[in-house]
Each structure stands twice: as C-alpha cells, then as structure tokens.
C-alpha cells in the first residue's frame, strides 16, 4: 500500500504538532499503526531504534515511517510535515518566551511542564516495550541498556549497537 504524499504530509504535520518532549509515541502508534495501517508495531520500534543510532534528532524515525508509507516522496513529505510546522512554532514560542522572561509566572509554568514531559516519555516507553520486548532475554537487554544509560557515561550509540549485536547473536 502506498499512501498519498499530501495525506502523509498532513498526517505527520499533525503528529509533529501534538508531540512534546521529542515524540508522542502513543499517538504516533495509534495513527500510523492502528488508524492508517502504514506501519507495523515492529517497524515503529525498529524505526525508533534506528533513530537512536543516527546522528541528529532521535525522531528521524519519521523519515523512516514516511518511506514505509509512501516511498521516497513519502519520506520527504513525512520529514517536512513533522519538522516544518514545529520549527516555525518553536521560533515563535522562543520569541514570546524571551519577551516574557520577566513575567513572574514563567518559572512556575516551566516547572509545571516538567512532570508532563516525564509522563509523555513514560507513555512512549510503554509503546516501545509492547512492540519490542517479547521474551525474558529481550527484557534483560532492555533493563541492562537502561542501567548502563542511567548509571554510566557510555555513549548511547555504543549501547544501541551492543544491544543489537547481542540480540542478533541470541536470535531475538
């Protein structure tokens, strides 16, 4: 199935505008996997993992998902749709943030957004776990990766590559 480029552009623009803190994986899964049927849960997890090892923003997976939905033109439409409107919105928000820098409610507003961001990330963790952890071995690799990222200064890309090699050797 090949999706229309305009549909891809508009879908990814909406996903970009509702993604906070990097991504809204539950919404991305709901739209791309369940509603549109453009990708599978496995492709969602694979694209996210690929985005982790690539330089640049980790949500480069959007290009991967767009390619799966509509080939090269779909990849371009997804990338433009996901990043274009949010880049413009971010520039406008930064301008407003600087103008309101002396506003007494600004620190409280910023602090109030942090728990929201943590909630968004936790929801994303659940989506990725459902699509990628199917055995105790996979769960152990996930737990070990978490511990290494949390407690050491090992480069995240090395942990991703190491986990991929270990998973391949173990036949996951």
Foldseek 3Di string as FASTA:
>chain_A
DADDLVVLLQVLLVQLVPQPLQGQQVVCCCCLCVNVNLDHLLLSLVLLLVLQQDPDRSVLSQLVSLCSRHNNSRSVSNVCSNPVVVVVVVVVVVVVCVVCVVPPCVVVVVVVCVVVSVVSVVSNVVSSCVSFPDDVVSVVLVVVLVCCVVPHDPDNNVSSVVSVVVCVVVVD
